[in-house]
Amino acid sequence: MNDNQLRCWLSQARFHVSDPVETDINRPLANSTTPLMYAAQTGDLDAIKSLLKRGADPALLNTDGNGALWFACFSGSEACVAKLIKAGAPLDTQNVNGATALIYCASASKAPLVKLLLDAGANTVLKTHDDFTALELAADLECLRLLKNASKAVHA
């Protein structure tokens, strides 16, 4: 995306746009949602690449404690998740409920994303505020297998 395309994208998403566009690259909307979080939530890989290239911070969290990685997981985009991991998005941030991206993906039957997160080193022993791990919340057999294998590797 060139600067004009990114300006248009930001404007359509109702983000503030100034010149140069990098000036507002991390300026949030309500709920502290940044442009990068919005791009991740919509699964827009081109926007994610463009925002990261211009200095968007993949470590920022919204008021619920969710970051761009969590939103990419929500969208189900493996490409967006992989790009954000490569960009240094923190793997193990816990939101206001204590859920991490791994816990969310396991509980939502998103096995390909569980695998990506595990391969990147996501922590399997973190617990929600209700005291559940990703393994305990795994909603399908494939997520359960992936997390059991990861747990065995940690305890070996």
Protein backbone atom coordinates (compact mmCIF):
# COMPACT_ATOMS: atom_id res chain seq x y z
CA MET A 1 0.00 0.00 0.00
CA ASN A 2 1.38 3.42 -0.86
CA ASP A 3 0.81 6.46 1.39
CA ASN A 4 -2.32 7.57 -0.48
CA GLN A 5 -3.86 4.11 -0.30
CA LEU A 6 -3.08 3.90 3.41
CA ARG A 7 -4.56 7.38 4.01
CA CYS A 8 -7.74 6.26 2.25
CA TRP A 9 -7.84 3.01 4.24
CA LEU A 10 -7.36 4.86 7.54
CA SER A 11 -9.99 7.43 6.64
CA GLN A 12 -12.54 4.77 5.66
CA ALA A 13 -11.91 3.02 8.96
CA ARG A 14 -12.53 6.37 10.73
CA PHE A 15 -8.96 6.86 11.98
CA HIS A 16 -7.36 10.30 12.15
CA VAL A 17 -5.07 10.94 9.20
CA SER A 18 -2.37 13.60 9.00
CA ASP A 19 0.70 14.21 6.93
CA PRO A 20 2.99 12.36 7.11
CA VAL A 21 0.76 9.36 7.68
CA GLU A 22 3.29 7.92 10.16
CA THR A 23 2.39 10.71 12.60
CA ASP A 24 -0.85 8.98 13.59
CA ILE A 25 0.04 5.36 12.88
CA ASN A 26 -0.68 4.31 16.49
CA ARG A 27 -3.47 6.81 17.30
CA PRO A 28 -6.41 4.77 18.57
CA LEU A 29 -10.16 4.94 18.21
CA ALA A 30 -12.57 4.26 21.04
CA ASN A 31 -11.57 1.35 23.28
CA SER A 32 -7.93 2.15 22.39
CA THR A 33 -8.21 0.22 19.13
CA THR A 34 -5.28 1.10 16.90
CA PRO A 35 -5.20 0.92 13.10
CA LEU A 36 -3.06 -2.24 13.37
CA MET A 37 -5.64 -3.89 15.62
CA TYR A 38 -8.40 -2.94 13.21
CA ALA A 39 -6.45 -4.32 10.24
CA ALA A 40 -5.85 -7.55 12.16
CA GLN A 41 -9.51 -7.82 13.15
CA THR A 42 -10.56 -7.51 9.52
CA GLY A 43 -7.82 -9.88 8.33
CA ASP A 44 -6.31 -7.23 6.06
CA LEU A 45 -2.76 -8.47 5.51
CA ASP A 46 -1.85 -5.66 3.09
CA ALA A 47 -2.86 -3.05 5.67
CA ILE A 48 -0.94 -4.88 8.41
CA LYS A 49 2.21 -4.95 6.27
CA SER A 50 1.83 -1.29 5.40
CA LEU A 51 1.19 -0.22 8.98
CA LEU A 52 4.11 -2.24 10.35
CA LYS A 53 6.41 -0.84 7.67
CA ARG A 54 5.48 2.66 8.84
CA GLY A 55 6.11 1.96 12.51
CA ALA A 56 2.86 0.59 13.92
CA ASP A 57 3.51 -0.97 17.32
CA PRO A 58 2.38 -4.63 17.49
CA ALA A 59 2.69 -4.60 21.30
CA LEU A 60 -0.06 -2.06 22.01
CA LEU A 61 -3.21 -3.28 23.79
CA ASN A 62 -6.73 -1.95 23.81
CA THR A 63 -8.67 -1.26 27.01
CA ASP A 64 -9.75 -4.93 27.14
CA GLY A 65 -6.10 -6.01 27.09
CA ASN A 66 -6.24 -7.39 23.55
CA GLY A 67 -3.59 -6.61 20.95
CA ALA A 68 -3.25 -6.97 17.22
CA LEU A 69 -2.25 -10.64 17.56
CA TRP A 70 -5.44 -11.46 19.46
CA PHE A 71 -7.49 -9.64 16.81
CA ALA A 72 -5.73 -11.53 14.01
CA CYS A 73 -6.58 -14.75 15.82
CA PHE A 74 -10.19 -13.60 16.10
CA SER A 75 -10.28 -12.99 12.34
CA GLY A 76 -8.85 -16.45 11.74
CA SER A 77 -6.16 -15.21 9.37
CA GLU A 78 -3.11 -17.45 9.55
CA ALA A 79 -1.16 -15.03 7.33
CA CYS A 80 -1.94 -12.08 9.61
CA VAL A 81 -1.05 -14.05 12.73
CA ALA A 82 2.25 -15.18 11.19
CA LYS A 83 3.11 -11.63 10.11
CA LEU A 84 2.40 -10.20 13.55
CA ILE A 85 4.43 -12.91 15.27
CA LYS A 86 7.32 -12.18 12.91
CA ALA A 87 6.95 -8.46 13.71
CA GLY A 88 7.37 -9.17 17.42
CA ALA A 89 3.80 -9.06 18.68
CA PRO A 90 3.84 -10.39 22.26
CA LEU A 91 2.53 -13.95 22.37
CA ASP A 92 1.40 -14.19 25.96
CA THR A 93 -0.40 -10.98 26.89
CA GLN A 94 -3.47 -11.69 28.98
CA ASN A 95 -6.64 -9.70 28.48
CA VAL A 96 -9.03 -8.54 31.22
CA ASN A 97 -10.30 -12.12 31.53
CA GLY A 98 -6.78 -13.56 31.67
CA ALA A 99 -7.11 -15.12 28.22
CA THR A 100 -4.14 -15.19 25.87
CA ALA A 101 -4.31 -15.58 22.10
CA LEU A 102 -3.50 -19.29 22.60
CA ILE A 103 -6.31 -19.74 25.12
CA TYR A 104 -8.75 -17.97 22.80
CA CYS A 105 -7.71 -20.03 19.75
CA ALA A 106 -7.92 -23.32 21.67
CA SER A 107 -11.37 -22.46 23.02
CA ALA A 108 -12.57 -21.40 19.55
CA SER A 109 -11.37 -24.57 17.74
CA LYS A 110 -8.76 -22.71 15.68
CA ALA A 111 -6.20 -25.52 15.46
CA PRO A 112 -4.05 -24.00 12.67
CA LEU A 113 -3.64 -20.86 14.79
CA VAL A 114 -2.93 -22.91 17.92
CA LYS A 115 -0.13 -24.60 15.97
CA LEU A 116 1.30 -21.26 14.79
CA LEU A 117 1.27 -19.88 18.33
CA LEU A 118 2.81 -23.02 19.81
CA ASP A 119 5.51 -23.09 17.14
CA ALA A 120 6.32 -19.48 18.03
CA GLY A 121 6.68 -20.38 21.71
CA ALA A 122 3.37 -19.37 23.27
CA ASN A 123 3.11 -20.21 26.97
CA THR A 124 0.84 -23.22 27.54
CA VAL A 125 0.55 -22.93 31.32
CA LEU A 126 -0.94 -19.45 31.66
CA LYS A 127 -4.45 -19.47 33.10
CA THR A 128 -7.56 -17.35 32.72
CA HIS A 129 -8.93 -15.60 35.79
CA ASP A 130 -11.30 -18.58 36.05
CA ASP A 131 -8.20 -20.81 36.42
CA PHE A 132 -8.29 -22.56 33.03
CA THR A 133 -5.37 -23.23 30.68
CA ALA A 134 -5.59 -23.48 26.91
CA LEU A 135 -5.45 -27.28 27.23
CA GLU A 136 -8.40 -27.31 29.61
CA LEU A 137 -10.42 -25.08 27.28
CA ALA A 138 -9.54 -26.87 24.04
CA ALA A 139 -12.80 -27.11 22.12
CA ASP A 140 -11.85 -29.74 19.57
CA LEU A 141 -9.71 -32.85 19.27
CA GLU A 142 -6.99 -31.27 17.10
CA CYS A 143 -6.44 -28.38 19.53
CA LEU A 144 -6.40 -30.87 22.40
CA ARG A 145 -3.75 -33.01 20.66
CA LEU A 146 -1.57 -30.01 19.82
CA LEU A 147 -1.71 -28.71 23.37
CA LYS A 148 -1.15 -32.13 24.96
CA ASN A 149 1.94 -32.65 22.81
CA ALA A 150 3.21 -29.16 23.69
CA SER A 151 2.57 -29.85 27.38
CA LYS A 152 4.50 -33.13 27.20
CA ALA A 153 7.44 -31.31 25.58
CA VAL A 154 7.46 -28.69 28.36
CA HIS A 155 7.42 -31.33 31.10
CA ALA A 156 9.92 -33.69 29.43
